[in-house]
C-alpha cells in the first residue's frame, strides 16, 4: 500500500476486498502514521463480507 505523495485527507478501504477487519486495522495504523482519517467501507454489505470467508 503506497500512500506517499498522495493529497488525500482520508482513506476508505473496502473491508470485503481488503481482507477483513484485521486488515482494516492494519490499514488504519498506516493511515494514522500518515495523519489520515479512516472511513471503512463495505459497498456490498454484510453478505459479501460473510461470503468471502465462507469460501475459505
N, C-alpha and C. Protein backbone atom coordinates (compact mmCIF):
# COMPACT_ATOMS: atom_id res chain seq x y z
N UNK A 1 0.85 -1.17 0.00
CA UNK A 1 0.00 0.00 0.00
C UNK A 1 0.89 1.23 0.00
N UNK A 2 0.75 2.05 -1.02
CA UNK A 2 1.58 3.25 -1.14
C UNK A 2 0.73 4.48 -0.88
N UNK A 3 1.15 5.26 0.10
CA UNK A 3 0.41 6.48 0.44
C UNK A 3 1.26 7.72 0.18
N UNK A 4 2.56 7.59 0.08
CA UNK A 4 3.42 8.76 -0.10
C UNK A 4 3.07 9.50 -1.38
N UNK A 5 3.10 10.82 -1.30
CA UNK A 5 2.84 11.65 -2.46
C UNK A 5 1.37 11.84 -2.77
N UNK A 6 0.49 11.35 -1.92
CA UNK A 6 -0.95 11.45 -2.14
C UNK A 6 -1.49 12.66 -1.38
N UNK A 7 -2.42 13.37 -1.97
CA UNK A 7 -3.01 14.54 -1.33
C UNK A 7 -4.38 14.21 -0.74
N UNK A 8 -4.49 13.09 -0.10
CA UNK A 8 -5.75 12.67 0.50
C UNK A 8 -5.83 13.12 1.95
N UNK A 9 -7.05 13.26 2.45
CA UNK A 9 -7.23 13.57 3.86
C UNK A 9 -7.81 12.39 4.60
N UNK A 10 -8.34 11.40 3.84
CA UNK A 10 -8.86 10.20 4.47
C UNK A 10 -8.71 9.01 3.54
N UNK A 11 -8.77 7.82 4.12
CA UNK A 11 -8.64 6.56 3.38
C UNK A 11 -9.93 5.78 3.62
N UNK A 12 -10.49 5.18 2.56
CA UNK A 12 -11.74 4.43 2.69
C UNK A 12 -11.59 3.05 2.03
N UNK A 13 -10.97 2.10 2.76
CA UNK A 13 -10.81 0.76 2.18
C UNK A 13 -12.10 -0.04 2.25
N UNK A 14 -12.35 -0.87 1.25
CA UNK A 14 -13.49 -1.78 1.27
C UNK A 14 -13.04 -3.02 2.02
N UNK A 15 -13.61 -3.27 3.18
CA UNK A 15 -13.15 -4.36 4.04
C UNK A 15 -13.36 -5.73 3.43
N UNK A 16 -14.37 -5.91 2.58
CA UNK A 16 -14.59 -7.20 1.94
C UNK A 16 -13.48 -7.51 0.93
N UNK A 17 -12.92 -6.50 0.32
CA UNK A 17 -11.86 -6.69 -0.67
C UNK A 17 -10.48 -6.65 -0.02
N UNK A 18 -10.33 -5.78 0.99
CA UNK A 18 -9.02 -5.59 1.63
C UNK A 18 -8.58 -6.79 2.45
N UNK A 19 -9.50 -7.63 2.87
CA UNK A 19 -9.10 -8.80 3.64
C UNK A 19 -9.74 -8.90 5.01
N UNK A 20 -10.74 -8.09 5.28
CA UNK A 20 -11.46 -8.21 6.53
C UNK A 20 -11.11 -7.15 7.56
N UNK A 21 -11.63 -7.37 8.76
CA UNK A 21 -11.46 -6.40 9.82
C UNK A 21 -10.00 -6.30 10.26
N UNK A 22 -9.31 -7.42 10.36
CA UNK A 22 -7.90 -7.39 10.78
C UNK A 22 -7.06 -6.56 9.83
N UNK A 23 -7.28 -6.74 8.54
CA UNK A 23 -6.54 -5.96 7.56
C UNK A 23 -6.96 -4.49 7.61
N UNK A 24 -8.23 -4.25 7.92
CA UNK A 24 -8.70 -2.88 8.10
C UNK A 24 -7.99 -2.17 9.24
N UNK A 25 -7.73 -2.92 10.32
CA UNK A 25 -6.99 -2.36 11.46
C UNK A 25 -5.56 -2.01 11.04
N UNK A 26 -4.94 -2.87 10.24
CA UNK A 26 -3.58 -2.58 9.74
C UNK A 26 -3.58 -1.35 8.84
N UNK A 27 -4.57 -1.25 7.97
CA UNK A 27 -4.68 -0.07 7.10
C UNK A 27 -4.89 1.17 7.95
N UNK A 28 -5.68 1.04 9.01
CA UNK A 28 -5.90 2.16 9.91
C UNK A 28 -4.62 2.63 10.58
N UNK A 29 -3.75 1.69 10.95
CA UNK A 29 -2.47 2.05 11.56
C UNK A 29 -1.58 2.80 10.57
N UNK A 30 -1.60 2.34 9.32
CA UNK A 30 -0.81 3.03 8.29
C UNK A 30 -1.37 4.43 8.05
N UNK A 31 -2.70 4.53 7.97
CA UNK A 31 -3.34 5.84 7.77
C UNK A 31 -3.01 6.78 8.92
N UNK A 32 -3.03 6.26 10.14
CA UNK A 32 -2.71 7.07 11.30
C UNK A 32 -1.27 7.57 11.26
N UNK A 33 -0.36 6.73 10.80
CA UNK A 33 1.04 7.13 10.69
C UNK A 33 1.22 8.29 9.72
N UNK A 34 0.34 8.39 8.73
CA UNK A 34 0.40 9.47 7.75
C UNK A 34 -0.58 10.58 8.08
N UNK A 35 -1.18 10.53 9.29
CA UNK A 35 -2.12 11.53 9.76
C UNK A 35 -3.34 11.65 8.84
N UNK A 36 -3.84 10.49 8.39
CA UNK A 36 -5.03 10.43 7.55
C UNK A 36 -6.19 9.85 8.34
N UNK A 37 -7.39 10.24 8.00
CA UNK A 37 -8.58 9.68 8.63
C UNK A 37 -8.96 8.38 7.95
N UNK A 38 -9.59 7.50 8.69
CA UNK A 38 -10.03 6.21 8.16
C UNK A 38 -11.55 6.15 8.19
N UNK A 39 -12.15 5.78 7.07
CA UNK A 39 -13.59 5.60 6.96
C UNK A 39 -13.84 4.26 6.28
N UNK A 40 -13.89 3.15 7.04
CA UNK A 40 -14.09 1.83 6.42
C UNK A 40 -15.36 1.79 5.59
N UNK A 41 -15.30 1.03 4.52
CA UNK A 41 -16.40 0.97 3.57
C UNK A 41 -16.68 -0.49 3.25
N UNK A 42 -17.93 -0.83 3.13
CA UNK A 42 -18.34 -2.18 2.74
C UNK A 42 -19.47 -2.01 1.74
N UNK A 43 -19.09 -1.80 0.47
CA UNK A 43 -20.05 -1.39 -0.56
C UNK A 43 -21.19 -2.37 -0.77
N UNK A 44 -20.93 -3.64 -0.62
CA UNK A 44 -21.99 -4.61 -0.90
C UNK A 44 -22.63 -5.15 0.37
N UNK A 45 -22.23 -4.64 1.49
CA UNK A 45 -22.85 -5.01 2.75
C UNK A 45 -22.33 -6.29 3.36
N UNK A 46 -22.98 -6.71 4.41
CA UNK A 46 -22.58 -7.88 5.17
C UNK A 46 -22.56 -9.17 4.35
N UNK A 47 -23.50 -9.39 3.40
CA UNK A 47 -23.46 -10.65 2.64
C UNK A 47 -22.13 -10.89 1.91
N UNK A 48 -21.55 -9.86 1.33
CA UNK A 48 -20.27 -10.03 0.63
C UNK A 48 -19.16 -10.32 1.62
N UNK A 49 -19.22 -9.69 2.78
CA UNK A 49 -18.21 -9.90 3.80
C UNK A 49 -18.24 -11.35 4.28
N UNK A 50 -19.44 -11.87 4.54
CA UNK A 50 -19.59 -13.25 5.00
C UNK A 50 -19.24 -14.23 3.89
N UNK A 51 -19.66 -13.94 2.66
CA UNK A 51 -19.40 -14.83 1.53
C UNK A 51 -17.91 -15.00 1.30
N UNK A 52 -17.13 -13.95 1.49
CA UNK A 52 -15.68 -14.04 1.30
C UNK A 52 -15.07 -15.07 2.25
N UNK A 53 -15.52 -15.11 3.49
CA UNK A 53 -14.95 -16.03 4.46
C UNK A 53 -15.59 -17.40 4.43
N UNK A 54 -16.76 -17.53 3.82
CA UNK A 54 -17.39 -18.83 3.68
C UNK A 54 -16.64 -19.70 2.67
N UNK A 55 -15.94 -19.07 1.74
CA UNK A 55 -15.19 -19.80 0.71
C UNK A 55 -13.88 -20.36 1.25
N UNK A 56 -13.34 -19.75 2.29
CA UNK A 56 -12.02 -20.15 2.79
C UNK A 56 -12.11 -21.32 3.73
